[in-house]
PDB file of N, CA and C in Angstrom:
ATOM      1  N   UNK A   1     -29.563 158.843  65.441  1.00  0.00           N
ATOM      2  CA  UNK A   1     -30.480 159.884  65.366  1.00  0.00           C
ATOM      3  C   UNK A   1     -31.732 159.331  64.706  1.00  0.00           C
ATOM      4  N   UNK A   2     -32.020 159.499  63.500  1.00  0.00           N
ATOM      5  CA  UNK A   2     -33.124 158.883  62.760  1.00  0.00           C
ATOM      6  C   UNK A   2     -34.329 158.562  63.639  1.00  0.00           C
ATOM      7  N   UNK A   3     -34.930 159.580  64.169  1.00  0.00           N
ATOM      8  CA  UNK A   3     -36.136 159.383  64.960  1.00  0.00           C
ATOM      9  C   UNK A   3     -35.868 159.146  66.431  1.00  0.00           C
ATOM     10  N   UNK A   4     -34.600 159.030  66.818  1.00  0.00           N
ATOM     11  CA  UNK A   4     -34.258 158.841  68.224  1.00  0.00           C
ATOM     12  C   UNK A   4     -33.644 160.133  68.752  1.00  0.00           C
ATOM     13  N   UNK A   5     -33.681 160.267  70.058  1.00  0.00           N
ATOM     14  CA  UNK A   5     -33.082 161.429  70.689  1.00  0.00           C
ATOM     15  C   UNK A   5     -31.559 161.356  70.509  1.00  0.00           C
ATOM     16  N   UNK A   6     -30.942 162.468  70.119  1.00  0.00           N
ATOM     17  CA  UNK A   6     -29.501 162.525  69.900  1.00  0.00           C
ATOM     18  C   UNK A   6     -28.720 162.441  71.196  1.00  0.00           C
ATOM     19  N   UNK A   7     -27.482 162.022  71.091  1.00  0.00           N
ATOM     20  CA  UNK A   7     -26.609 161.923  72.258  1.00  0.00           C
ATOM     21  C   UNK A   7     -25.879 163.242  72.455  1.00  0.00           C
ATOM     22  N   UNK A   8     -25.520 163.500  73.673  1.00  0.00           N
ATOM     23  CA  UNK A   8     -24.786 164.719  74.014  1.00  0.00           C
ATOM     24  C   UNK A   8     -23.403 164.670  73.352  1.00  0.00           C
ATOM     25  N   UNK A   9     -22.905 165.791  72.819  1.00  0.00           N
ATOM     26  CA  UNK A   9     -21.598 165.809  72.149  1.00  0.00           C
ATOM     27  C   UNK A   9     -20.456 165.291  73.014  1.00  0.00           C
ATOM     28  N   UNK A  10     -20.471 165.562  74.313  1.00  0.00           N
ATOM     29  CA  UNK A  10     -19.410 165.056  75.194  1.00  0.00           C
ATOM     30  C   UNK A  10     -19.418 163.532  75.240  1.00  0.00           C
ATOM     31  N   UNK A  11     -20.622 162.942  75.246  1.00  0.00           N
ATOM     32  CA  UNK A  11     -20.757 161.490  75.252  1.00  0.00           C
ATOM     33  C   UNK A  11     -20.258 160.897  73.934  1.00  0.00           C
ATOM     34  N   UNK A  12     -20.603 161.552  72.825  1.00  0.00           N
ATOM     35  CA  UNK A  12     -20.123 161.093  71.516  1.00  0.00           C
ATOM     36  C   UNK A  12     -18.600 161.168  71.439  1.00  0.00           C
ATOM     37  N   UNK A  13     -18.021 162.259  71.943  1.00  0.00           N
ATOM     38  CA  UNK A  13     -16.575 162.415  71.918  1.00  0.00           C
ATOM     39  C   UNK A  13     -15.909 161.318  72.759  1.00  0.00           C
ATOM     40  N   UNK A  14     -16.421 161.081  73.963  1.00  0.00           N
ATOM     41  CA  UNK A  14     -15.833 160.076  74.847  1.00  0.00           C
ATOM     42  C   UNK A  14     -15.883 158.691  74.198  1.00  0.00           C
ATOM     43  N   UNK A  15     -16.994 158.360  73.564  1.00  0.00           N
ATOM     44  CA  UNK A  15     -17.120 157.058  72.890  1.00  0.00           C
ATOM     45  C   UNK A  15     -16.159 156.961  71.713  1.00  0.00           C
ATOM     46  N   UNK A  16     -16.084 158.015  70.905  1.00  0.00           N
ATOM     47  CA  UNK A  16     -15.175 158.019  69.751  1.00  0.00           C
ATOM     48  C   UNK A  16     -13.725 157.915  70.199  1.00  0.00           C
ATOM     49  N   UNK A  17     -13.382 158.614  71.258  1.00  0.00           N
ATOM     50  CA  UNK A  17     -12.017 158.579  71.781  1.00  0.00           C
ATOM     51  C   UNK A  17     -11.666 157.183  72.282  1.00  0.00           C
ATOM     52  N   UNK A  18     -12.551 156.571  73.047  1.00  0.00           N
ATOM     53  CA  UNK A  18     -12.322 155.222  73.570  1.00  0.00           C
ATOM     54  C   UNK A  18     -12.153 154.223  72.431  1.00  0.00           C
ATOM     55  N   UNK A  19     -13.013 154.317  71.424  1.00  0.00           N
ATOM     56  CA  UNK A  19     -12.936 153.390  70.294  1.00  0.00           C
ATOM     57  C   UNK A  19     -11.663 153.609  69.473  1.00  0.00           C
ATOM     58  N   UNK A  20     -11.216 154.843  69.338  1.00  0.00           N
ATOM     59  CA  UNK A  20      -9.984 155.093  68.580  1.00  0.00           C
ATOM     60  C   UNK A  20      -8.776 154.530  69.313  1.00  0.00           C
ATOM     61  N   UNK A  21      -8.742 154.661  70.626  1.00  0.00           N
ATOM     62  CA  UNK A  21      -7.645 154.084  71.412  1.00  0.00           C
ATOM     63  C   UNK A  21      -7.669 152.562  71.298  1.00  0.00           C
ATOM     64  N   UNK A  22      -8.842 151.971  71.357  1.00  0.00           N
ATOM     65  CA  UNK A  22      -8.975 150.522  71.217  1.00  0.00           C
ATOM     66  C   UNK A  22      -8.501 150.067  69.834  1.00  0.00           C
ATOM     67  N   UNK A  23      -8.859 150.813  68.793  1.00  0.00           N
ATOM     68  CA  UNK A  23      -8.461 150.482  67.428  1.00  0.00           C
ATOM     69  C   UNK A  23      -6.944 150.563  67.275  1.00  0.00           C
ATOM     70  N   UNK A  24      -6.341 151.652  67.756  1.00  0.00           N
ATOM     71  CA  UNK A  24      -4.894 151.818  67.644  1.00  0.00           C
ATOM     72  C   UNK A  24      -4.166 150.727  68.412  1.00  0.00           C
ATOM     73  N   UNK A  25      -4.636 150.416  69.595  1.00  0.00           N
ATOM     74  CA  UNK A  25      -4.012 149.369  70.401  1.00  0.00           C
ATOM     75  C   UNK A  25      -4.080 148.011  69.700  1.00  0.00           C
ATOM     76  N   UNK A  26      -5.210 147.704  69.108  1.00  0.00           N
ATOM     77  CA  UNK A  26      -5.373 146.417  68.429  1.00  0.00           C
ATOM     78  C   UNK A  26      -4.498 146.309  67.193  1.00  0.00           C
ATOM     79  N   UNK A  27      -4.155 147.440  66.595  1.00  0.00           N
ATOM     80  CA  UNK A  27      -3.373 147.423  65.359  1.00  0.00           C
ATOM     81  C   UNK A  27      -1.893 147.712  65.561  1.00  0.00           C
ATOM     82  N   UNK A  28      -1.471 147.995  66.777  1.00  0.00           N
ATOM     83  CA  UNK A  28      -0.057 148.242  67.017  1.00  0.00           C
ATOM     84  C   UNK A  28       0.567 147.229  67.952  1.00  0.00           C
ATOM     85  N   UNK A  29      -0.213 146.461  68.656  1.00  0.00           N
ATOM     86  CA  UNK A  29       0.324 145.447  69.542  1.00  0.00           C
ATOM     87  C   UNK A  29       0.740 144.248  68.716  1.00  0.00           C
ATOM     88  N   UNK A  30       2.027 143.845  68.791  1.00  0.00           N
ATOM     89  CA  UNK A  30       2.460 142.705  67.987  1.00  0.00           C
ATOM     90  C   UNK A  30       1.769 141.418  68.430  1.00  0.00           C
ATOM     91  N   UNK A  31       1.393 140.633  67.454  1.00  0.00           N
ATOM     92  CA  UNK A  31       0.786 139.336  67.731  1.00  0.00           C
ATOM     93  C   UNK A  31       1.884 138.292  67.750  1.00  0.00           C
ATOM     94  N   UNK A  32       1.995 137.575  68.846  1.00  0.00           N
ATOM     95  CA  UNK A  32       2.999 136.525  68.949  1.00  0.00           C
ATOM     96  C   UNK A  32       2.361 135.211  68.513  1.00  0.00           C
ATOM     97  N   UNK A  33       2.828 134.726  67.381  1.00  0.00           N
ATOM     98  CA  UNK A  33       2.238 133.506  66.842  1.00  0.00           C
ATOM     99  C   UNK A  33       3.049 132.263  67.177  1.00  0.00           C
ATOM    100  N   UNK A  34       4.241 132.456  67.731  1.00  0.00           N
ATOM    101  CA  UNK A  34       5.042 131.303  68.109  1.00  0.00           C
ATOM    102  C   UNK A  34       5.870 131.664  69.329  1.00  0.00           C
ATOM    103  N   UNK A  35       6.279 130.660  70.062  1.00  0.00           N
ATOM    104  CA  UNK A  35       7.080 130.913  71.246  1.00  0.00           C
ATOM    105  C   UNK A  35       8.546 131.040  70.839  1.00  0.00           C
ATOM    106  N   UNK A  36       9.319 131.764  71.621  1.00  0.00           N
ATOM    107  CA  UNK A  36      10.736 131.925  71.287  1.00  0.00           C
ATOM    108  C   UNK A  36      11.442 130.574  71.203  1.00  0.00           C
ATOM    109  N   UNK A  37      12.383 130.499  70.311  1.00  0.00           N
ATOM    110  CA  UNK A  37      13.131 129.265  70.109  1.00  0.00           C
ATOM    111  C   UNK A  37      14.038 129.001  71.299  1.00  0.00           C
ATOM    112  N   UNK A  38      14.237 127.752  71.614  1.00  0.00           N
ATOM    113  CA  UNK A  38      15.124 127.401  72.718  1.00  0.00           C
ATOM    114  C   UNK A  38      16.548 127.175  72.221  1.00  0.00           C
ATOM    115  N   UNK A  39      16.765 127.300  70.907  1.00  0.00           N
ATOM    116  CA  UNK A  39      18.114 127.140  70.372  1.00  0.00           C
ATOM    117  C   UNK A  39      18.887 128.439  70.526  1.00  0.00           C
ATOM    118  N   UNK A  40      20.179 128.327  70.551  1.00  0.00           N
ATOM    119  CA  UNK A  40      21.040 129.491  70.706  1.00  0.00           C
ATOM    120  C   UNK A  40      21.805 129.736  69.418  1.00  0.00           C
ATOM    121  N   UNK A  41      22.120 131.005  69.184  1.00  0.00           N
ATOM    122  CA  UNK A  41      22.894 131.372  68.009  1.00  0.00           C
ATOM    123  C   UNK A  41      24.305 130.867  68.179  1.00  0.00           C
ATOM    124  N   UNK A  42      24.852 130.271  67.138  1.00  0.00           N
ATOM    125  CA  UNK A  42      26.211 129.734  67.184  1.00  0.00           C
ATOM    126  C   UNK A  42      27.131 130.580  66.325  1.00  0.00           C
ATOM    127  N   UNK A  43      28.348 130.750  66.784  1.00  0.00           N
ATOM    128  CA  UNK A  43      29.349 131.485  66.019  1.00  0.00           C
ATOM    129  C   UNK A  43      29.679 130.734  64.731  1.00  0.00           C
ATOM    130  N   UNK A  44      30.066 131.459  63.675  1.00  0.00           N
ATOM    131  CA  UNK A  44      30.508 130.778  62.457  1.00  0.00           C
ATOM    132  C   UNK A  44      31.898 130.182  62.670  1.00  0.00           C
ATOM    133  N   UNK A  45      32.291 129.235  61.839  1.00  0.00           N
ATOM    134  CA  UNK A  45      33.635 128.667  61.949  1.00  0.00           C
ATOM    135  C   UNK A  45      34.699 129.741  61.682  1.00  0.00           C
ATOM    136  N   UNK A  46      35.917 129.552  62.175  1.00  0.00           N
ATOM    137  CA  UNK A  46      36.992 130.523  61.932  1.00  0.00           C
ATOM    138  C   UNK A  46      37.163 130.805  60.435  1.00  0.00           C
ATOM    139  N   UNK A  47      37.342 132.074  60.115  1.00  0.00           N
ATOM    140  CA  UNK A  47      37.538 132.477  58.736  1.00  0.00           C
ATOM    141  C   UNK A  47      36.255 132.616  57.940  1.00  0.00           C
ATOM    142  N   UNK A  48      35.109 132.416  58.567  1.00  0.00           N
ATOM    143  CA  UNK A  48      33.814 132.501  57.885  1.00  0.00           C
ATOM    144  C   UNK A  48      32.965 133.604  58.503  1.00  0.00           C
ATOM    145  N   UNK A  49      31.956 134.022  57.778  1.00  0.00           N
ATOM    146  CA  UNK A  49      30.946 134.941  58.275  1.00  0.00           C
ATOM    147  C   UNK A  49      29.623 134.200  58.344  1.00  0.00           C
ATOM    148  N   UNK A  50      28.725 134.684  59.174  1.00  0.00           N
ATOM    149  CA  UNK A  50      27.416 134.057  59.294  1.00  0.00           C
ATOM    150  C   UNK A  50      26.340 135.059  58.914  1.00  0.00           C
ATOM    151  N   UNK A  51      25.422 134.618  58.057  1.00  0.00           N
ATOM    152  CA  UNK A  51      24.301 135.426  57.604  1.00  0.00           C
ATOM    153  C   UNK A  51      23.026 134.903  58.264  1.00  0.00           C
ATOM    154  N   UNK A  52      22.307 135.780  58.948  1.00  0.00           N
ATOM    155  CA  UNK A  52      21.004 135.443  59.498  1.00  0.00           C
ATOM    156  C   UNK A  52      19.973 136.356  58.857  1.00  0.00           C
ATOM    157  N   UNK A  53      18.842 135.778  58.462  1.00  0.00           N
ATOM    158  CA  UNK A  53      17.779 136.541  57.811  1.00  0.00           C
ATOM    159  C   UNK A  53      16.454 136.270  58.507  1.00  0.00           C
ATOM    160  N   UNK A  54      15.518 137.183  58.311  1.00  0.00           N
ATOM    161  CA  UNK A  54      14.177 136.986  58.831  1.00  0.00           C
ATOM    162  C   UNK A  54      13.219 137.850  58.031  1.00  0.00           C
ATOM    163  N   UNK A  55      11.994 137.406  57.964  1.00  0.00           N
ATOM    164  CA  UNK A  55      10.932 138.162  57.328  1.00  0.00           C
ATOM    165  C   UNK A  55       9.768 138.261  58.285  1.00  0.00           C
ATOM    166  N   UNK A  56       9.117 139.406  58.312  1.00  0.00           N
ATOM    167  CA  UNK A  56       7.971 139.619  59.199  1.00  0.00           C
ATOM    168  C   UNK A  56       6.788 140.133  58.399  1.00  0.00           C
ATOM    169  N   UNK A  57       5.596 139.854  58.908  1.00  0.00           N
ATOM    170  CA  UNK A  57       4.364 140.242  58.234  1.00  0.00           C
ATOM    171  C   UNK A  57       3.492 141.059  59.181  1.00  0.00           C
ATOM    172  N   UNK A  58       2.833 142.054  58.630  1.00  0.00           N
ATOM    173  CA  UNK A  58       1.807 142.788  59.355  1.00  0.00           C
ATOM    174  C   UNK A  58       0.556 142.725  58.494  1.00  0.00           C
ATOM    175  N   UNK A  59      -0.312 141.787  58.804  1.00  0.00           N
ATOM    176  CA  UNK A  59      -1.499 141.600  57.981  1.00  0.00           C
ATOM    177  C   UNK A  59      -2.491 142.745  58.113  1.00  0.00           C
ATOM    178  N   UNK A  60      -2.375 143.527  59.184  1.00  0.00           N
ATOM    179  CA  UNK A  60      -3.325 144.627  59.364  1.00  0.00           C
ATOM    180  C   UNK A  60      -3.073 145.762  58.367  1.00  0.00           C
ATOM    181  N   UNK A  61      -1.840 145.923  57.914  1.00  0.00           N
ATOM    182  CA  UNK A  61      -1.539 146.989  56.954  1.00  0.00           C
ATOM    183  C   UNK A  61      -0.934 146.445  55.660  1.00  0.00           C
ATOM    184  N   UNK A  62      -0.906 145.145  55.483  1.00  0.00           N
ATOM    185  CA  UNK A  62      -0.414 144.485  54.269  1.00  0.00           C
ATOM    186  C   UNK A  62       1.013 144.886  53.943  1.00  0.00           C
ATOM    187  N   UNK A  63       1.856 144.970  54.929  1.00  0.00           N
ATOM    188  CA  UNK A  63       3.254 145.295  54.713  1.00  0.00           C
ATOM    189  C   UNK A  63       4.117 144.171  55.254  1.00  0.00           C
ATOM    190  N   UNK A  64       5.286 144.044  54.654  1.00  0.00           N
ATOM    191  CA  UNK A  64       6.246 143.037  55.074  1.00  0.00           C
ATOM    192  C   UNK A  64       7.573 143.725  55.312  1.00  0.00           C
ATOM    193  N   UNK A  65       8.392 143.094  56.104  1.00  0.00           N
ATOM    194  CA  UNK A  65       9.740 143.594  56.324  1.00  0.00           C
ATOM    195  C   UNK A  65      10.716 142.443  56.206  1.00  0.00           C
ATOM    196  N   UNK A  66      11.850 142.723  55.595  1.00  0.00           N
ATOM    197  CA  UNK A  66      12.899 141.730  55.437  1.00  0.00           C
ATOM    198  C   UNK A  66      14.141 142.265  56.123  1.00  0.00           C
ATOM    199  N   UNK A  67      14.872 141.388  56.766  1.00  0.00           N
ATOM    200  CA  UNK A  67      16.081 141.825  57.437  1.00  0.00           C
ATOM    201  C   UNK A  67      17.170 140.786  57.344  1.00  0.00           C
ATOM    202  N   UNK A  68      18.412 141.256  57.405  1.00  0.00           N
ATOM    203  CA  UNK A  68      19.561 140.360  57.381  1.00  0.00           C
ATOM    204  C   UNK A  68      20.692 140.979  58.190  1.00  0.00           C
ATOM    205  N   UNK A  69      21.443 140.136  58.879  1.00  0.00           N
ATOM    206  CA  UNK A  69      22.635 140.567  59.601  1.00  0.00           C
ATOM    207  C   UNK A  69      23.769 139.609  59.272  1.00  0.00           C
ATOM    208  N   UNK A  70      24.982 140.144  59.226  1.00  0.00           N
ATOM    209  CA  UNK A  70      26.182 139.346  59.003  1.00  0.00           C
ATOM    210  C   UNK A  70      27.098 139.559  60.200  1.00  0.00           C
ATOM    211  N   UNK A  71      27.559 138.456  60.780  1.00  0.00           N
ATOM    212  CA  UNK A  71      28.455 138.529  61.946  1.00  0.00           C
ATOM    213  C   UNK A  71      29.710 137.704  61.683  1.00  0.00           C
ATOM    214  N   UNK A  72      30.798 138.098  62.347  1.00  0.00           N
ATOM    215  CA  UNK A  72      32.050 137.364  62.192  1.00  0.00           C
ATOM    216  C   UNK A  72      32.208 136.308  63.275  1.00  0.00           C
ATOM    217  N   UNK A  73      33.375 135.685  63.315  1.00  0.00           N
ATOM    218  CA  UNK A  73      33.647 134.588  64.246  1.00  0.00           C
ATOM    219  C   UNK A  73      33.578 135.023  65.713  1.00  0.00           C
ATOM    220  N   UNK A  74      33.709 136.328  65.960  1.00  0.00           N
ATOM    221  CA  UNK A  74      33.616 136.848  67.328  1.00  0.00           C
ATOM    222  C   UNK A  74      32.204 137.300  67.685  1.00  0.00           C
ATOM    223  N   UNK A  75      31.289 137.208  66.716  1.00  0.00           N
ATOM    224  CA  UNK A  75      29.921 137.662  66.937  1.00  0.00           C
ATOM    225  C   UNK A  75      29.739 139.141  66.671  1.00  0.00           C
ATOM    226  N   UNK A  76      30.794 139.803  66.173  1.00  0.00           N
ATOM    227  CA  UNK A  76      30.709 141.234  65.872  1.00  0.00           C
ATOM    228  C   UNK A  76      29.838 141.450  64.635  1.00  0.00           C
ATOM    229  N   UNK A  77      29.028 142.487  64.683  1.00  0.00           N
ATOM    230  CA  UNK A  77      28.179 142.828  63.553  1.00  0.00           C
ATOM    231  C   UNK A  77      29.041 143.402  62.440  1.00  0.00           C
ATOM    232  N   UNK A  78      28.979 142.775  61.261  1.00  0.00           N
ATOM    233  CA  UNK A  78      29.743 143.235  60.106  1.00  0.00           C
ATOM    234  C   UNK A  78      28.870 144.063  59.163  1.00  0.00           C
ATOM    235  N   UNK A  79      27.578 143.845  59.187  1.00  0.00           N
ATOM    236  CA  UNK A  79      26.657 144.594  58.349  1.00  0.00           C
ATOM    237  C   UNK A  79      25.236 144.130  58.582  1.00  0.00           C
ATOM    238  N   UNK A  80      24.286 144.996  58.225  1.00  0.00           N
ATOM    239  CA  UNK A  80      22.872 144.655  58.400  1.00  0.00           C
ATOM    240  C   UNK A  80      22.042 145.449  57.399  1.00  0.00           C
ATOM    241  N   UNK A  81      20.916 144.880  57.014  1.00  0.00           N
ATOM    242  CA  UNK A  81      19.969 145.582  56.158  1.00  0.00           C
ATOM    243  C   UNK A  81      18.560 145.350  56.665  1.00  0.00           C
ATOM    244  N   UNK A  82      17.694 146.265  56.284  1.00  0.00           N
ATOM    245  CA  UNK A  82      16.269 146.149  56.556  1.00  0.00           C
ATOM    246  C   UNK A  82      15.554 146.649  55.313  1.00  0.00           C
ATOM    247  N   UNK A  83      14.648 145.835  54.781  1.00  0.00           N
ATOM    248  CA  UNK A  83      13.982 146.175  53.530  1.00  0.00           C
ATOM    249  C   UNK A  83      12.471 146.109  53.725  1.00  0.00           C
ATOM    250  N   UNK A  84      11.777 147.250  53.648  1.00  0.00           N
ATOM    251  CA  UNK A  84      10.313 147.213  53.707  1.00  0.00           C
ATOM    252  C   UNK A  84       9.753 146.854  52.333  1.00  0.00           C
ATOM    253  N   UNK A  85       8.736 146.033  52.300  1.00  0.00           N
ATOM    254  CA  UNK A  85       8.059 145.722  51.044  1.00  0.00           C
ATOM    255  C   UNK A  85       6.557 145.756  51.286  1.00  0.00           C
ATOM    256  N   UNK A  86       5.810 146.065  50.262  1.00  0.00           N
ATOM    257  CA  UNK A  86       4.359 146.102  50.354  1.00  0.00           C
ATOM    258  C   UNK A  86       3.804 144.977  49.503  1.00  0.00           C
ATOM    259  N   UNK A  87       2.814 144.301  50.022  1.00  0.00           N
ATOM    260  CA  UNK A  87       2.189 143.233  49.263  1.00  0.00           C
ATOM    261  C   UNK A  87       1.596 142.194  50.173  1.00  0.00           C
ATOM    262  N   UNK A  88       0.910 141.271  49.569  1.00  0.00           N
ATOM    263  CA  UNK A  88       0.263 140.193  50.310  1.00  0.00           C
ATOM    264  C   UNK A  88       0.938 138.885  49.932  1.00  0.00           C
ATOM    265  N   UNK A  89       1.837 138.428  50.778  1.00  0.00           N
ATOM    266  CA  UNK A  89       2.570 137.194  50.537  1.00  0.00           C
ATOM    267  C   UNK A  89       2.384 136.261  51.729  1.00  0.00           C
ATOM    268  N   UNK A  90       2.522 134.989  51.479  1.00  0.00           N
ATOM    269  CA  UNK A  90       2.459 134.023  52.576  1.00  0.00           C
ATOM    270  C   UNK A  90       3.720 134.165  53.427  1.00  0.00           C
ATOM    271  N   UNK A  91       3.703 133.568  54.598  1.00  0.00           N
ATOM    272  CA  UNK A  91       4.874 133.606  55.479  1.00  0.00           C
ATOM    273  C   UNK A  91       6.074 132.943  54.804  1.00  0.00           C
ATOM    274  N   UNK A  92       5.841 131.846  54.097  1.00  0.00           N
ATOM    275  CA  UNK A  92       6.948 131.156  53.420  1.00  0.00           C
ATOM    276  C   UNK A  92       7.567 132.026  52.341  1.00  0.00           C
ATOM    277  N   UNK A  93       6.739 132.706  51.559  1.00  0.00           N
ATOM    278  CA  UNK A  93       7.258 133.586  50.506  1.00  0.00           C
ATOM    279  C   UNK A  93       8.022 134.744  51.142  1.00  0.00           C
ATOM    280  N   UNK A  94       7.511 135.291  52.228  1.00  0.00           N
ATOM    281  CA  UNK A  94       8.192 136.389  52.915  1.00  0.00           C
ATOM    282  C   UNK A  94       9.564 135.934  53.402  1.00  0.00           C
ATOM    283  N   UNK A  95       9.645 134.740  53.973  1.00  0.00           N
ATOM    284  CA  UNK A  95      10.931 134.202  54.428  1.00  0.00           C
ATOM    285  C   UNK A  95      11.879 133.980  53.247  1.00  0.00           C
ATOM    286  N   UNK A  96      11.345 133.480  52.137  1.00  0.00           N
ATOM    287  CA  UNK A  96      12.179 133.278  50.947  1.00  0.00           C
ATOM    288  C   UNK A  96      12.701 134.609  50.409  1.00  0.00           C
ATOM    289  N   UNK A  97      11.867 135.627  50.415  1.00  0.00           N
ATOM    290  CA  UNK A  97      12.315 136.952  49.998  1.00  0.00           C
ATOM    291  C   UNK A  97      13.419 137.477  50.923  1.00  0.00           C
ATOM    292  N   UNK A  98      13.300 137.185  52.224  1.00  0.00           N
ATOM    293  CA  UNK A  98      14.335 137.595  53.179  1.00  0.00           C
ATOM    294  C   UNK A  98      15.654 136.884  52.862  1.00  0.00           C
ATOM    295  N   UNK A  99      15.580 135.597  52.534  1.00  0.00           N
ATOM    296  CA  UNK A  99      16.791 134.858  52.162  1.00  0.00           C
ATOM    297  C   UNK A  99      17.407 135.463  50.904  1.00  0.00           C
ATOM    298  N   UNK A 100      16.587 135.747  49.910  1.00  0.00           N
ATOM    299  CA  UNK A 100      17.059 136.337  48.663  1.00  0.00           C
ATOM    300  C   UNK A 100      17.767 137.668  48.898  1.00  0.00           C
ATOM    301  N   UNK A 101      17.125 138.545  49.678  1.00  0.00           N
ATOM    302  CA  UNK A 101      17.723 139.846  49.978  1.00  0.00           C
ATOM    303  C   UNK A 101      19.011 139.679  50.774  1.00  0.00           C
ATOM    304  N   UNK A 102      19.004 138.748  51.730  1.00  0.00           N
ATOM    305  CA  UNK A 102      20.200 138.501  52.534  1.00  0.00           C
ATOM    306  C   UNK A 102      21.365 138.012  51.698  1.00  0.00           C
ATOM    307  N   UNK A 103      21.097 137.107  50.767  1.00  0.00           N
ATOM    308  CA  UNK A 103      22.155 136.600  49.891  1.00  0.00           C
ATOM    309  C   UNK A 103      22.666 137.689  48.953  1.00  0.00           C
ATOM    310  N   UNK A 104      21.785 138.535  48.451  1.00  0.00           N
ATOM    311  CA  UNK A 104      22.226 139.638  47.608  1.00  0.00           C
ATOM    312  C   UNK A 104      23.103 140.612  48.420  1.00  0.00           C
ATOM    313  N   UNK A 105      22.717 140.847  49.659  1.00  0.00           N
ATOM    314  CA  UNK A 105      23.472 141.728  50.528  1.00  0.00           C
ATOM    315  C   UNK A 105      24.847 141.141  50.836  1.00  0.00           C
ATOM    316  N   UNK A 106      24.877 139.837  51.131  1.00  0.00           N
ATOM    317  CA  UNK A 106      26.148 139.177  51.477  1.00  0.00           C
ATOM    318  C   UNK A 106      27.075 139.186  50.274  1.00  0.00           C
TER     319      UNK A 106
END
């Protein structure tokens, strides 16, 4: 505005709507930073359980998630946890926190 002719409200709405959809899409589409691993999950030895952990980061909202699963020799799920945390940590620290939570869970 400020000395210029104002835009029609329908035009302003259409622009705001388009930009909001673009913003939401940019902040909800997961960013793939690495390609899937070519290794396969292996069963634990007889009489043992296997603990797998992972940590994920969402830098757009400064949140992290930690997860762990425990499986038996048949691959059956014995238990799982998911822990949301808030903060700004490096990927290595996030992975270490996932290991810590997984070991506490196990």
